[in-house]
Protein backbone atom coordinates (compact mmCIF):
# COMPACT_ATOMS: atom_id res chain seq x y z
CA MET A 1 -15.77 0.11 24.80
CA SER A 2 -12.56 2.14 25.77
CA ILE A 3 -12.55 5.77 27.01
CA VAL A 4 -11.00 6.72 23.71
CA THR A 5 -13.62 5.04 21.74
CA SER A 6 -16.23 6.81 23.65
CA PHE A 7 -14.81 10.09 23.20
CA ALA A 8 -14.32 9.78 19.49
CA ASN A 9 -18.03 8.53 19.18
CA SER A 10 -19.21 11.57 21.05
CA CYS A 11 -16.99 13.92 19.12
CA ALA A 12 -18.29 12.32 15.78
CA THR A 13 -21.83 12.77 16.83
CA THR A 14 -21.19 16.40 17.38
CA ALA A 15 -19.27 16.76 14.05
CA PHE A 16 -21.78 15.02 12.05
CA SER A 17 -24.51 17.40 13.19
CA MET A 18 -22.36 20.43 12.65
CA ILE A 19 -20.99 19.38 9.03
CA GLY A 20 -24.31 18.00 7.98
CA SER A 21 -24.84 14.30 7.65
CA GLU A 22 -26.97 12.72 5.09
CA THR A 23 -28.83 9.25 5.21
CA VAL A 24 -27.51 6.19 3.13
CA THR A 25 -29.43 3.25 2.97
CA ILE A 26 -27.93 -0.35 2.27
CA SER A 27 -29.82 -3.67 2.75
CA GLY A 28 -32.90 -1.76 4.47
CA THR A 29 -30.64 -0.20 6.99
CA ASP A 30 -30.50 3.55 7.21
CA PHE A 31 -27.58 5.12 8.67
CA SER A 32 -26.01 8.61 8.73
CA CYS A 33 -22.91 9.52 6.71
CA ILE A 34 -20.72 12.67 5.56
CA LEU A 35 -21.11 12.69 1.87
CA ALA A 36 -18.57 14.27 -0.45
CA GLU A 37 -19.45 15.80 -3.68
CA ALA A 38 -20.26 13.54 -6.46
CA GLU A 39 -17.62 13.22 -9.22
CA THR A 40 -18.56 12.52 -12.79
CA GLN A 41 -16.09 10.76 -15.56
CA LYS A 42 -16.90 10.38 -19.15
CA GLU A 43 -15.09 7.71 -21.08
CA PHE A 44 -15.62 7.62 -24.93
CA ALA A 45 -15.45 4.37 -26.89
CA GLU A 46 -16.43 3.29 -30.38
CA GLY A 47 -20.28 3.56 -30.81
CA GLY A 48 -20.87 5.36 -27.44
CA PHE A 49 -19.65 6.46 -24.20
CA GLU A 50 -19.91 5.64 -20.39
CA VAL A 51 -20.67 8.08 -17.69
CA ILE A 52 -19.34 7.10 -14.33
CA LYS A 53 -20.44 8.97 -11.23
CA SER A 54 -18.73 8.30 -7.82
CA LEU A 55 -19.59 9.24 -4.44
CA THR A 56 -17.59 8.90 -1.19
CA ALA A 57 -19.37 8.43 2.19
CA THR A 58 -17.92 8.33 5.61
CA CYS A 59 -19.86 6.84 8.70
CA LYS A 60 -19.18 5.48 11.85
CA LEU A 61 -18.19 1.89 11.78
CA ALA A 62 -20.89 0.82 14.44
CA ASP A 63 -23.62 2.29 12.36
CA LEU A 64 -22.63 0.08 9.15
CA PRO A 65 -24.65 -2.91 8.23
CA SER A 66 -22.95 -6.15 9.01
CA GLY A 67 -21.82 -8.40 6.20
CA ASP A 68 -20.12 -7.96 2.89
CA LEU A 69 -21.45 -4.72 1.38
CA VAL A 70 -19.29 -4.72 -1.74
CA LYS A 71 -21.55 -4.75 -4.88
CA LYS A 72 -24.73 -4.14 -2.81
CA GLN A 73 -27.16 -1.62 -3.90
CA ALA A 74 -27.13 1.70 -1.80
CA THR A 75 -29.60 4.82 -1.68
CA ALA A 76 -27.91 8.13 -1.15
CA ARG A 77 -29.27 11.72 -2.18
CA SER A 78 -32.45 10.08 -3.66
CA GLN A 79 -30.28 8.14 -6.12
CA THR A 80 -29.38 4.55 -6.48
CA TRP A 81 -25.67 3.53 -6.12
CA ARG A 82 -23.52 0.52 -6.17
CA VAL A 83 -21.12 -0.15 -3.17
CA ASP A 84 -17.52 -0.45 -4.87
CA ASP A 85 -15.37 -0.56 -1.92
CA VAL A 86 -15.49 -0.47 1.90
CA SER A 87 -12.41 0.75 4.00
CA LYS A 88 -12.87 0.11 7.51
CA GLY A 89 -10.82 1.84 10.40
CA GLN A 90 -11.08 1.53 14.11
CA LEU A 91 -14.05 3.94 14.44
CA PHE A 92 -15.05 5.03 10.95
CA ALA A 93 -15.80 3.49 7.56
CA THR A 94 -15.40 4.94 4.14
CA LEU A 95 -17.78 3.65 1.32
CA ARG A 96 -16.94 4.31 -2.43
CA LEU A 97 -20.31 4.40 -4.22
CA SER A 98 -20.68 4.48 -8.09
CA GLN A 99 -23.21 4.47 -10.98
CA ALA A 100 -22.51 3.61 -14.55
CA THR A 101 -24.56 4.71 -17.49
CA ARG A 102 -23.82 3.41 -20.94
CA ALA A 103 -25.14 5.05 -24.12
């Protein structure tokens, strides 16, 4: 691990505690993330509508479970979500979580 990586990890740990991290669970692995506000979209169609909720989570890359996470089930804020996208950087990962309800 480089000096820059060590420094960034220590800063992230401090920032997560100051900002307020929350727990996300994927495949039985709990890890801390900074969660954005949940967004809600309503799409109307013939005979009903679809409500799509989305949530963005940012976590340390080292904390992320290994393997392909897209389409896996995740738990955050006591709700069940699906992982739609994972963007990985050098130190952090951003997950796009969603829920869809049809009526």
